[in-house]
Amino acid sequence: QSSTEKPGESSKGRANGAYNPGRKSRNPYLNFLREFRRQNHHLSAVEVIRRGAAHWRQLTEEQKLPYVRIAFYAPMRPRRCPMCGMRYRMKRAPGAQSSARKSSKPVKSQQMRMPPKKQH
């Protein structure tokens, strides 16, 4: 630490007031913490977490709602396989059709089958 810093403060990225907000998360608490960190950038990382957690617990459900909305609309990130690091394919909802099947031409399995001709 330099002589101008207070104990518990880090000089990394805080000297000029620059702050990287980070990406939106699907976790409402992390979205709250990102904003809390922006407002309390002078605190150390440990102190931000400690005070942010205490503040989050005191919020009502209505006060947490904006962070829940941000989390709900945040994009899902592709997951990686823990064994090989490859990305998983996102699973479609049941009944969802791919763009290839949205054409007006029915797929062979969806075409109406003609009844067999009767032999006289």
PDB file of N, CA and C in Angstrom:
ATOM      1  N   GLN A   1       0.839  -1.184   0.000  1.00  0.00           N
ATOM      2  CA  GLN A   1       0.000   0.000   0.000  1.00  0.00           C
ATOM      3  C   GLN A   1       0.877   1.238   0.000  1.00  0.00           C
ATOM      4  N   SER A   2       0.403   2.245  -0.675  1.00  0.00           N
ATOM      5  CA  SER A   2       1.161   3.489  -0.687  1.00  0.00           C
ATOM      6  C   SER A   2       0.844   4.286   0.570  1.00  0.00           C
ATOM      7  N   SER A   3       1.613   5.329   0.795  1.00  0.00           N
ATOM      8  CA  SER A   3       1.442   6.111   2.017  1.00  0.00           C
ATOM      9  C   SER A   3       0.181   6.967   1.984  1.00  0.00           C
ATOM     10  N   THR A   4      -0.415   7.208   0.808  1.00  0.00           N
ATOM     11  CA  THR A   4      -1.606   8.056   0.723  1.00  0.00           C
ATOM     12  C   THR A   4      -2.904   7.281   0.918  1.00  0.00           C
ATOM     13  N   GLU A   5      -2.846   5.948   0.912  1.00  0.00           N
ATOM     14  CA  GLU A   5      -4.062   5.147   1.055  1.00  0.00           C
ATOM     15  C   GLU A   5      -4.418   4.948   2.519  1.00  0.00           C
ATOM     16  N   LYS A   6      -5.694   4.761   2.740  1.00  0.00           N
ATOM     17  CA  LYS A   6      -6.162   4.397   4.067  1.00  0.00           C
ATOM     18  C   LYS A   6      -6.049   2.890   4.198  1.00  0.00           C
ATOM     19  N   PRO A   7      -5.944   2.368   5.402  1.00  0.00           N
ATOM     20  CA  PRO A   7      -5.891   0.913   5.565  1.00  0.00           C
ATOM     21  C   PRO A   7      -7.166   0.273   5.026  1.00  0.00           C
ATOM     22  N   GLY A   8      -7.008  -0.852   4.347  1.00  0.00           N
ATOM     23  CA  GLY A   8      -8.165  -1.552   3.804  1.00  0.00           C
ATOM     24  C   GLY A   8      -8.548  -1.104   2.419  1.00  0.00           C
ATOM     25  N   GLU A   9      -7.868  -0.102   1.877  1.00  0.00           N
ATOM     26  CA  GLU A   9      -8.182   0.362   0.538  1.00  0.00           C
ATOM     27  C   GLU A   9      -7.140  -0.133  -0.447  1.00  0.00           C
ATOM     28  N   SER A  10      -7.580  -0.378  -1.628  1.00  0.00           N
ATOM     29  CA  SER A  10      -6.689  -0.830  -2.687  1.00  0.00           C
ATOM     30  C   SER A  10      -6.516   0.295  -3.691  1.00  0.00           C
ATOM     31  N   SER A  11      -5.330   0.404  -4.267  1.00  0.00           N
ATOM     32  CA  SER A  11      -5.090   1.456  -5.245  1.00  0.00           C
ATOM     33  C   SER A  11      -5.448   1.004  -6.649  1.00  0.00           C
ATOM     34  N   LYS A  12      -5.746  -0.260  -6.819  1.00  0.00           N
ATOM     35  CA  LYS A  12      -5.996  -0.817  -8.143  1.00  0.00           C
ATOM     36  C   LYS A  12      -7.260  -0.210  -8.754  1.00  0.00           C
ATOM     37  N   GLY A  13      -7.098   0.623  -9.761  1.00  0.00           N
ATOM     38  CA  GLY A  13      -8.216   1.180 -10.498  1.00  0.00           C
ATOM     39  C   GLY A  13      -9.018   2.227  -9.767  1.00  0.00           C
ATOM     40  N   ARG A  14      -8.618   2.644  -8.608  1.00  0.00           N
ATOM     41  CA  ARG A  14      -9.425   3.602  -7.856  1.00  0.00           C
ATOM     42  C   ARG A  14      -8.789   4.982  -7.796  1.00  0.00           C
ATOM     43  N   ALA A  15      -7.566   5.107  -8.243  1.00  0.00           N
ATOM     44  CA  ALA A  15      -6.884   6.387  -8.140  1.00  0.00           C
ATOM     45  C   ALA A  15      -7.579   7.451  -8.979  1.00  0.00           C
ATOM     46  N   ASN A  16      -8.017   7.096 -10.179  1.00  0.00           N
ATOM     47  CA  ASN A  16      -8.666   8.084 -11.035  1.00  0.00           C
ATOM     48  C   ASN A  16     -10.187   7.994 -10.972  1.00  0.00           C
ATOM     49  N   GLY A  17     -10.727   7.163 -10.129  1.00  0.00           N
ATOM     50  CA  GLY A  17     -12.170   7.039  -9.986  1.00  0.00           C
ATOM     51  C   GLY A  17     -12.796   6.159 -11.051  1.00  0.00           C
ATOM     52  N   ALA A  18     -11.980   5.530 -11.887  1.00  0.00           N
ATOM     53  CA  ALA A  18     -12.513   4.664 -12.934  1.00  0.00           C
ATOM     54  C   ALA A  18     -13.108   3.417 -12.302  1.00  0.00           C
ATOM     55  N   TYR A  19     -14.208   2.962 -12.882  1.00  0.00           N
ATOM     56  CA  TYR A  19     -14.874   1.792 -12.339  1.00  0.00           C
ATOM     57  C   TYR A  19     -15.468   1.006 -13.491  1.00  0.00           C
ATOM     58  N   ASN A  20     -15.186  -0.269 -13.539  1.00  0.00           N
ATOM     59  CA  ASN A  20     -15.760  -1.151 -14.543  1.00  0.00           C
ATOM     60  C   ASN A  20     -16.985  -1.813 -13.925  1.00  0.00           C
ATOM     61  N   PRO A  21     -18.186  -1.535 -14.421  1.00  0.00           N
ATOM     62  CA  PRO A  21     -19.386  -2.026 -13.755  1.00  0.00           C
ATOM     63  C   PRO A  21     -19.597  -3.525 -13.833  1.00  0.00           C
ATOM     64  N   GLY A  22     -19.029  -4.204 -14.799  1.00  0.00           N
ATOM     65  CA  GLY A  22     -19.232  -5.641 -14.920  1.00  0.00           C
ATOM     66  C   GLY A  22     -20.515  -5.958 -15.653  1.00  0.00           C
ATOM     67  N   ARG A  23     -20.709  -7.226 -15.953  1.00  0.00           N
ATOM     68  CA  ARG A  23     -21.884  -7.618 -16.726  1.00  0.00           C
ATOM     69  C   ARG A  23     -23.070  -7.887 -15.819  1.00  0.00           C
ATOM     70  N   LYS A  24     -24.248  -7.787 -16.401  1.00  0.00           N
ATOM     71  CA  LYS A  24     -25.465  -8.067 -15.652  1.00  0.00           C
ATOM     72  C   LYS A  24     -25.546  -9.561 -15.388  1.00  0.00           C
ATOM     73  N   SER A  25     -25.987  -9.881 -14.197  1.00  0.00           N
ATOM     74  CA  SER A  25     -26.030 -11.272 -13.764  1.00  0.00           C
ATOM     75  C   SER A  25     -27.473 -11.742 -13.675  1.00  0.00           C
ATOM     76  N   ARG A  26     -27.651 -13.040 -13.644  1.00  0.00           N
ATOM     77  CA  ARG A  26     -28.976 -13.594 -13.414  1.00  0.00           C
ATOM     78  C   ARG A  26     -29.241 -13.769 -11.919  1.00  0.00           C
ATOM     79  N   ASN A  27     -28.367 -13.200 -11.101  1.00  0.00           N
ATOM     80  CA  ASN A  27     -28.503 -13.234  -9.650  1.00  0.00           C
ATOM     81  C   ASN A  27     -28.826 -11.811  -9.179  1.00  0.00           C
ATOM     82  N   PRO A  28     -30.010 -11.563  -8.607  1.00  0.00           N
ATOM     83  CA  PRO A  28     -30.386 -10.207  -8.190  1.00  0.00           C
ATOM     84  C   PRO A  28     -29.418  -9.593  -7.178  1.00  0.00           C
ATOM     85  N   TYR A  29     -28.907 -10.405  -6.266  1.00  0.00           N
ATOM     86  CA  TYR A  29     -27.985  -9.882  -5.257  1.00  0.00           C
ATOM     87  C   TYR A  29     -26.716  -9.342  -5.906  1.00  0.00           C
ATOM     88  N   LEU A  30     -26.185 -10.048  -6.897  1.00  0.00           N
ATOM     89  CA  LEU A  30     -24.969  -9.573  -7.563  1.00  0.00           C
ATOM     90  C   LEU A  30     -25.222  -8.284  -8.331  1.00  0.00           C
ATOM     91  N   ASN A  31     -26.421  -8.117  -8.884  1.00  0.00           N
ATOM     92  CA  ASN A  31     -26.761  -6.864  -9.557  1.00  0.00           C
ATOM     93  C   ASN A  31     -26.844  -5.718  -8.547  1.00  0.00           C
ATOM     94  N   PHE A  32     -27.410  -6.000  -7.379  1.00  0.00           N
ATOM     95  CA  PHE A  32     -27.443  -4.992  -6.315  1.00  0.00           C
ATOM     96  C   PHE A  32     -26.026  -4.635  -5.879  1.00  0.00           C
ATOM     97  N   LEU A  33     -25.196  -5.653  -5.712  1.00  0.00           N
ATOM     98  CA  LEU A  33     -23.836  -5.438  -5.234  1.00  0.00           C
ATOM     99  C   LEU A  33     -23.022  -4.614  -6.230  1.00  0.00           C
ATOM    100  N   ARG A  34     -23.275  -4.797  -7.522  1.00  0.00           N
ATOM    101  CA  ARG A  34     -22.573  -4.009  -8.537  1.00  0.00           C
ATOM    102  C   ARG A  34     -22.885  -2.522  -8.354  1.00  0.00           C
ATOM    103  N   GLU A  35     -24.158  -2.199  -8.125  1.00  0.00           N
ATOM    104  CA  GLU A  35     -24.541  -0.802  -7.912  1.00  0.00           C
ATOM    105  C   GLU A  35     -24.012  -0.293  -6.569  1.00  0.00           C
ATOM    106  N   PHE A  36     -24.077  -1.130  -5.542  1.00  0.00           N
ATOM    107  CA  PHE A  36     -23.578  -0.742  -4.222  1.00  0.00           C
ATOM    108  C   PHE A  36     -22.079  -0.448  -4.284  1.00  0.00           C
ATOM    109  N   ARG A  37     -21.345  -1.262  -5.024  1.00  0.00           N
ATOM    110  CA  ARG A  37     -19.901  -1.061  -5.180  1.00  0.00           C
ATOM    111  C   ARG A  37     -19.618   0.261  -5.903  1.00  0.00           C
ATOM    112  N   ARG A  38     -20.446   0.592  -6.886  1.00  0.00           N
ATOM    113  CA  ARG A  38     -20.279   1.846  -7.620  1.00  0.00           C
ATOM    114  C   ARG A  38     -20.462   3.044  -6.678  1.00  0.00           C
ATOM    115  N   GLN A  39     -21.412   2.953  -5.763  1.00  0.00           N
ATOM    116  CA  GLN A  39     -21.675   4.050  -4.837  1.00  0.00           C
ATOM    117  C   GLN A  39     -20.662   4.100  -3.696  1.00  0.00           C
ATOM    118  N   ASN A  40     -20.021   2.974  -3.390  1.00  0.00           N
ATOM    119  CA  ASN A  40     -19.073   2.896  -2.274  1.00  0.00           C
ATOM    120  C   ASN A  40     -17.710   2.446  -2.761  1.00  0.00           C
ATOM    121  N   HIS A  41     -17.237   3.038  -3.843  1.00  0.00           N
ATOM    122  CA  HIS A  41     -15.977   2.617  -4.463  1.00  0.00           C
ATOM    123  C   HIS A  41     -14.762   2.883  -3.581  1.00  0.00           C
ATOM    124  N   HIS A  42     -14.921   3.702  -2.568  1.00  0.00           N
ATOM    125  CA  HIS A  42     -13.795   4.018  -1.684  1.00  0.00           C
ATOM    126  C   HIS A  42     -13.511   2.902  -0.673  1.00  0.00           C
ATOM    127  N   LEU A  43     -14.442   1.947  -0.535  1.00  0.00           N
ATOM    128  CA  LEU A  43     -14.261   0.857   0.428  1.00  0.00           C
ATOM    129  C   LEU A  43     -13.439  -0.275  -0.175  1.00  0.00           C
ATOM    130  N   SER A  44     -12.842  -1.077   0.683  1.00  0.00           N
ATOM    131  CA  SER A  44     -12.118  -2.263   0.212  1.00  0.00           C
ATOM    132  C   SER A  44     -13.137  -3.296  -0.265  1.00  0.00           C
ATOM    133  N   ALA A  45     -12.674  -4.283  -1.006  1.00  0.00           N
ATOM    134  CA  ALA A  45     -13.571  -5.309  -1.543  1.00  0.00           C
ATOM    135  C   ALA A  45     -14.284  -6.066  -0.423  1.00  0.00           C
ATOM    136  N   VAL A  46     -13.566  -6.401   0.616  1.00  0.00           N
ATOM    137  CA  VAL A  46     -14.162  -7.139   1.739  1.00  0.00           C
ATOM    138  C   VAL A  46     -15.225  -6.294   2.424  1.00  0.00           C
ATOM    139  N   GLU A  47     -14.939  -5.026   2.605  1.00  0.00           N
ATOM    140  CA  GLU A  47     -15.888  -4.137   3.274  1.00  0.00           C
ATOM    141  C   GLU A  47     -17.128  -3.897   2.408  1.00  0.00           C
ATOM    142  N   VAL A  48     -16.955  -3.825   1.090  1.00  0.00           N
ATOM    143  CA  VAL A  48     -18.102  -3.665   0.190  1.00  0.00           C
ATOM    144  C   VAL A  48     -19.031  -4.862   0.328  1.00  0.00           C
ATOM    145  N   ILE A  49     -18.460  -6.063   0.344  1.00  0.00           N
ATOM    146  CA  ILE A  49     -19.274  -7.277   0.479  1.00  0.00           C
ATOM    147  C   ILE A  49     -19.978  -7.301   1.830  1.00  0.00           C
ATOM    148  N   ARG A  50     -19.248  -6.985   2.875  1.00  0.00           N
ATOM    149  CA  ARG A  50     -19.808  -7.032   4.230  1.00  0.00           C
ATOM    150  C   ARG A  50     -20.975  -6.050   4.370  1.00  0.00           C
ATOM    151  N   ARG A  51     -20.754  -4.813   3.977  1.00  0.00           N
ATOM    152  CA  ARG A  51     -21.814  -3.803   4.112  1.00  0.00           C
ATOM    153  C   ARG A  51     -22.942  -4.031   3.108  1.00  0.00           C
ATOM    154  N   GLY A  52     -22.571  -4.459   1.904  1.00  0.00           N
ATOM    155  CA  GLY A  52     -23.588  -4.720   0.888  1.00  0.00           C
ATOM    156  C   GLY A  52     -24.525  -5.838   1.299  1.00  0.00           C
ATOM    157  N   ALA A  53     -23.984  -6.898   1.890  1.00  0.00           N
ATOM    158  CA  ALA A  53     -24.812  -8.017   2.345  1.00  0.00           C
ATOM    159  C   ALA A  53     -25.757  -7.570   3.457  1.00  0.00           C
ATOM    160  N   ALA A  54     -25.250  -6.768   4.373  1.00  0.00           N
ATOM    161  CA  ALA A  54     -26.099  -6.275   5.462  1.00  0.00           C
ATOM    162  C   ALA A  54     -27.216  -5.390   4.911  1.00  0.00           C
ATOM    163  N   HIS A  55     -26.879  -4.550   3.943  1.00  0.00           N
ATOM    164  CA  HIS A  55     -27.874  -3.658   3.339  1.00  0.00           C
ATOM    165  C   HIS A  55     -28.914  -4.474   2.562  1.00  0.00           C
ATOM    166  N   TRP A  56     -28.477  -5.491   1.828  1.00  0.00           N
ATOM    167  CA  TRP A  56     -29.385  -6.332   1.046  1.00  0.00           C
ATOM    168  C   TRP A  56     -30.397  -7.029   1.946  1.00  0.00           C
ATOM    169  N   ARG A  57     -29.936  -7.518   3.099  1.00  0.00           N
ATOM    170  CA  ARG A  57     -30.841  -8.211   4.022  1.00  0.00           C
ATOM    171  C   ARG A  57     -31.908  -7.277   4.573  1.00  0.00           C
ATOM    172  N   GLN A  58     -31.620  -5.994   4.650  1.00  0.00           N
ATOM    173  CA  GLN A  58     -32.579  -5.041   5.205  1.00  0.00           C
ATOM    174  C   GLN A  58     -33.590  -4.543   4.167  1.00  0.00           C
ATOM    175  N   LEU A  59     -33.323  -4.792   2.885  1.00  0.00           N
ATOM    176  CA  LEU A  59     -34.238  -4.336   1.846  1.00  0.00           C
ATOM    177  C   LEU A  59     -35.529  -5.148   1.869  1.00  0.00           C
ATOM    178  N   THR A  60     -36.641  -4.485   1.535  1.00  0.00           N
ATOM    179  CA  THR A  60     -37.914  -5.188   1.412  1.00  0.00           C
ATOM    180  C   THR A  60     -37.987  -5.824   0.027  1.00  0.00           C
ATOM    181  N   GLU A  61     -38.986  -6.665  -0.175  1.00  0.00           N
ATOM    182  CA  GLU A  61     -39.168  -7.310  -1.484  1.00  0.00           C
ATOM    183  C   GLU A  61     -39.393  -6.268  -2.580  1.00  0.00           C
ATOM    184  N   GLU A  62     -40.118  -5.193  -2.264  1.00  0.00           N
ATOM    185  CA  GLU A  62     -40.370  -4.141  -3.251  1.00  0.00           C
ATOM    186  C   GLU A  62     -39.082  -3.416  -3.628  1.00  0.00           C
ATOM    187  N   GLN A  63     -38.192  -3.231  -2.663  1.00  0.00           N
ATOM    188  CA  GLN A  63     -36.921  -2.566  -2.942  1.00  0.00           C
ATOM    189  C   GLN A  63     -35.981  -3.468  -3.738  1.00  0.00           C
ATOM    190  N   LYS A  64     -36.136  -4.773  -3.601  1.00  0.00           N
ATOM    191  CA  LYS A  64     -35.303  -5.720  -4.348  1.00  0.00           C
ATOM    192  C   LYS A  64     -35.811  -5.940  -5.771  1.00  0.00           C
ATOM    193  N   LEU A  65     -37.044  -5.553  -6.040  1.00  0.00           N
ATOM    194  CA  LEU A  65     -37.672  -5.843  -7.322  1.00  0.00           C
ATOM    195  C   LEU A  65     -36.897  -5.339  -8.540  1.00  0.00           C
ATOM    196  N   PRO A  66     -36.323  -4.127  -8.547  1.00  0.00           N
ATOM    197  CA  PRO A  66     -35.557  -3.694  -9.729  1.00  0.00           C
ATOM    198  C   PRO A  66     -34.387  -4.622 -10.050  1.00  0.00           C
ATOM    199  N   TYR A  67     -33.747  -5.151  -9.038  1.00  0.00           N
ATOM    200  CA  TYR A  67     -32.610  -6.053  -9.242  1.00  0.00           C
ATOM    201  C   TYR A  67     -33.085  -7.420  -9.733  1.00  0.00           C
ATOM    202  N   VAL A  68     -34.274  -7.817  -9.281  1.00  0.00           N
ATOM    203  CA  VAL A  68     -34.859  -9.072  -9.755  1.00  0.00           C
ATOM    204  C   VAL A  68     -35.207  -8.948 -11.235  1.00  0.00           C
ATOM    205  N   ARG A  69     -35.736  -7.786 -11.630  1.00  0.00           N
ATOM    206  CA  ARG A  69     -36.066  -7.570 -13.045  1.00  0.00           C
ATOM    207  C   ARG A  69     -34.817  -7.607 -13.917  1.00  0.00           C
ATOM    208  N   ILE A  70     -33.753  -6.955 -13.463  1.00  0.00           N
ATOM    209  CA  ILE A  70     -32.498  -6.971 -14.223  1.00  0.00           C
ATOM    210  C   ILE A  70     -32.024  -8.409 -14.388  1.00  0.00           C
ATOM    211  N   ALA A  71     -32.119  -9.186 -13.318  1.00  0.00           N
ATOM    212  CA  ALA A  71     -31.672 -10.582 -13.365  1.00  0.00           C
ATOM    213  C   ALA A  71     -32.542 -11.412 -14.300  1.00  0.00           C
ATOM    214  N   PHE A  72     -33.830 -11.131 -14.296  1.00  0.00           N
ATOM    215  CA  PHE A  72     -34.746 -11.908 -15.127  1.00  0.00           C
ATOM    216  C   PHE A  72     -34.461 -11.699 -16.608  1.00  0.00           C
ATOM    217  N   TYR A  73     -34.146 -10.468 -17.002  1.00  0.00           N
ATOM    218  CA  TYR A  73     -33.921 -10.155 -18.412  1.00  0.00           C
ATOM    219  C   TYR A  73     -32.461 -10.268 -18.834  1.00  0.00           C
ATOM    220  N   ALA A  74     -31.582 -10.608 -17.926  1.00  0.00           N
ATOM    221  CA  ALA A  74     -30.167 -10.782 -18.287  1.00  0.00           C
ATOM    222  C   ALA A  74     -30.029 -12.019 -19.165  1.00  0.00           C
ATOM    223  N   PRO A  75     -29.171 -11.950 -20.174  1.00  0.00           N
ATOM    224  CA  PRO A  75     -29.029 -13.115 -21.055  1.00  0.00           C
ATOM    225  C   PRO A  75     -28.353 -14.275 -20.338  1.00  0.00           C
ATOM    226  N   MET A  76     -28.752 -15.477 -20.707  1.00  0.00           N
ATOM    227  CA  MET A  76     -28.114 -16.668 -20.145  1.00  0.00           C
ATOM    228  C   MET A  76     -26.798 -16.884 -20.863  1.00  0.00           C
ATOM    229  N   ARG A  77     -25.776 -17.148 -20.107  1.00  0.00           N
ATOM    230  CA  ARG A  77     -24.473 -17.429 -20.715  1.00  0.00           C
ATOM    231  C   ARG A  77     -24.382 -18.920 -21.001  1.00  0.00           C
ATOM    232  N   PRO A  78     -23.733 -19.279 -22.097  1.00  0.00           N
ATOM    233  CA  PRO A  78     -23.597 -20.712 -22.384  1.00  0.00           C
ATOM    234  C   PRO A  78     -22.741 -21.397 -21.335  1.00  0.00           C
ATOM    235  N   ARG A  79     -23.151 -22.573 -20.947  1.00  0.00           N
ATOM    236  CA  ARG A  79     -22.396 -23.335 -19.952  1.00  0.00           C
ATOM    237  C   ARG A  79     -21.300 -24.124 -20.635  1.00  0.00           C
ATOM    238  N   ARG A  80     -20.290 -24.458 -19.859  1.00  0.00           N
ATOM    239  CA  ARG A  80     -19.194 -25.267 -20.380  1.00  0.00           C
ATOM    240  C   ARG A  80     -19.181 -26.616 -19.676  1.00  0.00           C
ATOM    241  N   CYS A  81     -18.783 -27.613 -20.413  1.00  0.00           N
ATOM    242  CA  CYS A  81     -18.660 -28.956 -19.867  1.00  0.00           C
ATOM    243  C   CYS A  81     -17.499 -28.963 -18.876  1.00  0.00           C
ATOM    244  N   PRO A  82     -17.691 -29.453 -17.653  1.00  0.00           N
ATOM    245  CA  PRO A  82     -16.598 -29.446 -16.681  1.00  0.00           C
ATOM    246  C   PRO A  82     -15.450 -30.377 -17.056  1.00  0.00           C
ATOM    247  N   MET A  83     -15.724 -31.374 -17.894  1.00  0.00           N
ATOM    248  CA  MET A  83     -14.690 -32.337 -18.264  1.00  0.00           C
ATOM    249  C   MET A  83     -13.780 -31.812 -19.372  1.00  0.00           C
ATOM    250  N   CYS A  84     -14.386 -31.248 -20.419  1.00  0.00           N
ATOM    251  CA  CYS A  84     -13.583 -30.884 -21.588  1.00  0.00           C
ATOM    252  C   CYS A  84     -13.593 -29.396 -21.905  1.00  0.00           C
ATOM    253  N   GLY A  85     -14.457 -28.609 -21.280  1.00  0.00           N
ATOM    254  CA  GLY A  85     -14.492 -27.174 -21.529  1.00  0.00           C
ATOM    255  C   GLY A  85     -15.327 -26.771 -22.731  1.00  0.00           C
ATOM    256  N   MET A  86     -15.942 -27.727 -23.417  1.00  0.00           N
ATOM    257  CA  MET A  86     -16.782 -27.411 -24.576  1.00  0.00           C
ATOM    258  C   MET A  86     -18.081 -26.781 -24.091  1.00  0.00           C
ATOM    259  N   ARG A  87     -18.646 -25.912 -24.921  1.00  0.00           N
ATOM    260  CA  ARG A  87     -19.914 -25.287 -24.562  1.00  0.00           C
ATOM    261  C   ARG A  87     -21.064 -26.233 -24.851  1.00  0.00           C
ATOM    262  N   TYR A  88     -22.040 -26.218 -23.935  1.00  0.00           N
ATOM    263  CA  TYR A  88     -23.241 -27.011 -24.134  1.00  0.00           C
ATOM    264  C   TYR A  88     -24.143 -26.291 -25.120  1.00  0.00           C
ATOM    265  N   ARG A  89     -24.982 -27.058 -25.792  1.00  0.00           N
ATOM    266  CA  ARG A  89     -26.026 -26.445 -26.595  1.00  0.00           C
ATOM    267  C   ARG A  89     -27.170 -26.104 -25.659  1.00  0.00           C
ATOM    268  N   MET A  90     -27.804 -24.990 -25.905  1.00  0.00           N
ATOM    269  CA  MET A  90     -28.940 -24.609 -25.078  1.00  0.00           C
ATOM    270  C   MET A  90     -30.120 -25.512 -25.441  1.00  0.00           C
ATOM    271  N   LYS A  91     -30.793 -26.034 -24.451  1.00  0.00           N
ATOM    272  CA  LYS A  91     -31.933 -26.904 -24.699  1.00  0.00           C
ATOM    273  C   LYS A  91     -33.150 -26.050 -25.017  1.00  0.00           C
ATOM    274  N   ARG A  92     -33.906 -26.507 -25.990  1.00  0.00           N
ATOM    275  CA  ARG A  92     -35.121 -25.794 -26.356  1.00  0.00           C
ATOM    276  C   ARG A  92     -36.257 -26.232 -25.448  1.00  0.00           C
ATOM    277  N   ALA A  93     -37.217 -25.356 -25.312  1.00  0.00           N
ATOM    278  CA  ALA A  93     -38.404 -25.691 -24.541  1.00  0.00           C
ATOM    279  C   ALA A  93     -39.210 -26.733 -25.307  1.00  0.00           C
ATOM    280  N   PRO A  94     -39.943 -27.591 -24.621  1.00  0.00           N
ATOM    281  CA  PRO A  94     -40.754 -28.587 -25.324  1.00  0.00           C
ATOM    282  C   PRO A  94     -41.748 -27.893 -26.246  1.00  0.00           C
ATOM    283  N   GLY A  95     -41.844 -28.385 -27.469  1.00  0.00           N
ATOM    284  CA  GLY A  95     -42.771 -27.797 -28.431  1.00  0.00           C
ATOM    285  C   GLY A  95     -42.176 -26.662 -29.235  1.00  0.00           C
ATOM    286  N   ALA A  96     -40.983 -26.209 -28.884  1.00  0.00           N
ATOM    287  CA  ALA A  96     -40.349 -25.128 -29.636  1.00  0.00           C
ATOM    288  C   ALA A  96     -39.817 -25.685 -30.942  1.00  0.00           C
ATOM    289  N   GLN A  97     -39.927 -24.888 -31.997  1.00  0.00           N
ATOM    290  CA  GLN A  97     -39.451 -25.324 -33.300  1.00  0.00           C
ATOM    291  C   GLN A  97     -38.228 -24.518 -33.684  1.00  0.00           C
ATOM    292  N   SER A  98     -37.323 -25.149 -34.395  1.00  0.00           N
ATOM    293  CA  SER A  98     -36.155 -24.429 -34.883  1.00  0.00           C
ATOM    294  C   SER A  98     -36.574 -23.579 -36.066  1.00  0.00           C
ATOM    295  N   SER A  99     -35.717 -22.653 -36.493  1.00  0.00           N
ATOM    296  CA  SER A  99     -36.048 -21.769 -37.600  1.00  0.00           C
ATOM    297  C   SER A  99     -36.220 -22.550 -38.894  1.00  0.00           C
ATOM    298  N   ALA A 100     -35.565 -23.704 -39.030  1.00  0.00           N
ATOM    299  CA  ALA A 100     -35.697 -24.517 -40.235  1.00  0.00           C
ATOM    300  C   ALA A 100     -37.096 -25.119 -40.339  1.00  0.00           C
ATOM    301  N   ARG A 101     -37.735 -25.357 -39.231  1.00  0.00           N
ATOM    302  CA  ARG A 101     -39.063 -25.977 -39.247  1.00  0.00           C
ATOM    303  C   ARG A 101     -40.186 -24.957 -39.277  1.00  0.00           C
ATOM    304  N   LYS A 102     -39.881 -23.683 -39.236  1.00  0.00           N
ATOM    305  CA  LYS A 102     -40.917 -22.669 -39.222  1.00  0.00           C
ATOM    306  C   LYS A 102     -41.413 -22.335 -40.623  1.00  0.00           C
ATOM    307  N   SER A 103     -40.863 -22.979 -41.649  1.00  0.00           N
ATOM    308  CA  SER A 103     -41.290 -22.699 -43.009  1.00  0.00           C
ATOM    309  C   SER A 103     -42.724 -23.185 -43.195  1.00  0.00           C
ATOM    310  N   SER A 104     -43.368 -22.687 -44.235  1.00  0.00           N
ATOM    311  CA  SER A 104     -44.761 -23.046 -44.471  1.00  0.00           C
ATOM    312  C   SER A 104     -44.894 -24.469 -44.996  1.00  0.00           C
ATOM    313  N   LYS A 105     -43.833 -25.028 -45.552  1.00  0.00           N
ATOM    314  CA  LYS A 105     -43.858 -26.382 -46.078  1.00  0.00           C
ATOM    315  C   LYS A 105     -43.789 -27.371 -44.909  1.00  0.00           C
ATOM    316  N   PRO A 106     -44.788 -28.235 -44.755  1.00  0.00           N
ATOM    317  CA  PRO A 106     -44.762 -29.155 -43.614  1.00  0.00           C
ATOM    318  C   PRO A 106     -43.664 -30.200 -43.760  1.00  0.00           C
ATOM    319  N   VAL A 107     -43.144 -30.623 -42.656  1.00  0.00           N
ATOM    320  CA  VAL A 107     -42.143 -31.668 -42.625  1.00  0.00           C
ATOM    321  C   VAL A 107     -42.840 -32.987 -42.947  1.00  0.00           C
ATOM    322  N   LYS A 108     -42.103 -33.940 -43.484  1.00  0.00           N
ATOM    323  CA  LYS A 108     -42.682 -35.200 -43.936  1.00  0.00           C
ATOM    324  C   LYS A 108     -43.551 -35.857 -42.865  1.00  0.00           C
ATOM    325  N   SER A 109     -43.114 -35.838 -41.636  1.00  0.00           N
ATOM    326  CA  SER A 109     -43.886 -36.476 -40.567  1.00  0.00           C
ATOM    327  C   SER A 109     -45.162 -35.715 -40.251  1.00  0.00           C
ATOM    328  N   GLN A 110     -45.225 -34.434 -40.658  1.00  0.00           N
ATOM    329  CA  GLN A 110     -46.399 -33.626 -40.363  1.00  0.00           C
ATOM    330  C   GLN A 110     -47.409 -33.638 -41.512  1.00  0.00           C
ATOM    331  N   GLN A 111     -47.027 -34.148 -42.691  1.00  0.00           N
ATOM    332  CA  GLN A 111     -47.929 -34.166 -43.832  1.00  0.00           C
ATOM    333  C   GLN A 111     -49.069 -35.145 -43.574  1.00  0.00           C
ATOM    334  N   MET A 112     -50.211 -34.825 -44.152  1.00  0.00           N
ATOM    335  CA  MET A 112     -51.354 -35.731 -44.014  1.00  0.00           C
ATOM    336  C   MET A 112     -51.101 -36.961 -44.866  1.00  0.00           C
ATOM    337  N   ARG A 113     -51.366 -38.075 -44.330  1.00  0.00           N
ATOM    338  CA  ARG A 113     -51.185 -39.316 -45.072  1.00  0.00           C
ATOM    339  C   ARG A 113     -52.518 -39.706 -45.713  1.00  0.00           C
ATOM    340  N   MET A 114     -52.410 -40.120 -46.932  1.00  0.00           N
ATOM    341  CA  MET A 114     -53.606 -40.555 -47.649  1.00  0.00           C
ATOM    342  C   MET A 114     -53.952 -41.969 -47.186  1.00  0.00           C
ATOM    343  N   PRO A 115     -55.215 -42.242 -47.025  1.00  0.00           N
ATOM    344  CA  PRO A 115     -55.584 -43.608 -46.641  1.00  0.00           C
ATOM    345  C   PRO A 115     -55.240 -44.567 -47.779  1.00  0.00           C
ATOM    346  N   PRO A 116     -54.906 -45.789 -47.463  1.00  0.00           N
ATOM    347  CA  PRO A 116     -54.565 -46.738 -48.524  1.00  0.00           C
ATOM    348  C   PRO A 116     -55.764 -47.007 -49.430  1.00  0.00           C
ATOM    349  N   LYS A 117     -55.464 -47.191 -50.717  1.00  0.00           N
ATOM    350  CA  LYS A 117     -56.534 -47.454 -51.680  1.00  0.00           C
ATOM    351  C   LYS A 117     -57.105 -48.849 -51.438  1.00  0.00           C
ATOM    352  N   LYS A 118     -58.396 -48.912 -51.548  1.00  0.00           N
ATOM    353  CA  LYS A 118     -59.060 -50.206 -51.362  1.00  0.00           C
ATOM    354  C   LYS A 118     -58.944 -50.996 -52.652  1.00  0.00           C
ATOM    355  N   GLN A 119     -58.635 -52.223 -52.529  1.00  0.00           N
ATOM    356  CA  GLN A 119     -58.547 -53.080 -53.707  1.00  0.00           C
ATOM    357  C   GLN A 119     -59.858 -53.830 -53.870  1.00  0.00           C
ATOM    358  N   HIS A 120     -60.355 -53.862 -55.100  1.00  0.00           N
ATOM    359  CA  HIS A 120     -61.661 -54.467 -55.358  1.00  0.00           C
ATOM    360  C   HIS A 120     -61.547 -55.907 -55.600  1.00  0.00           C
TER     361      HIS A 120
END
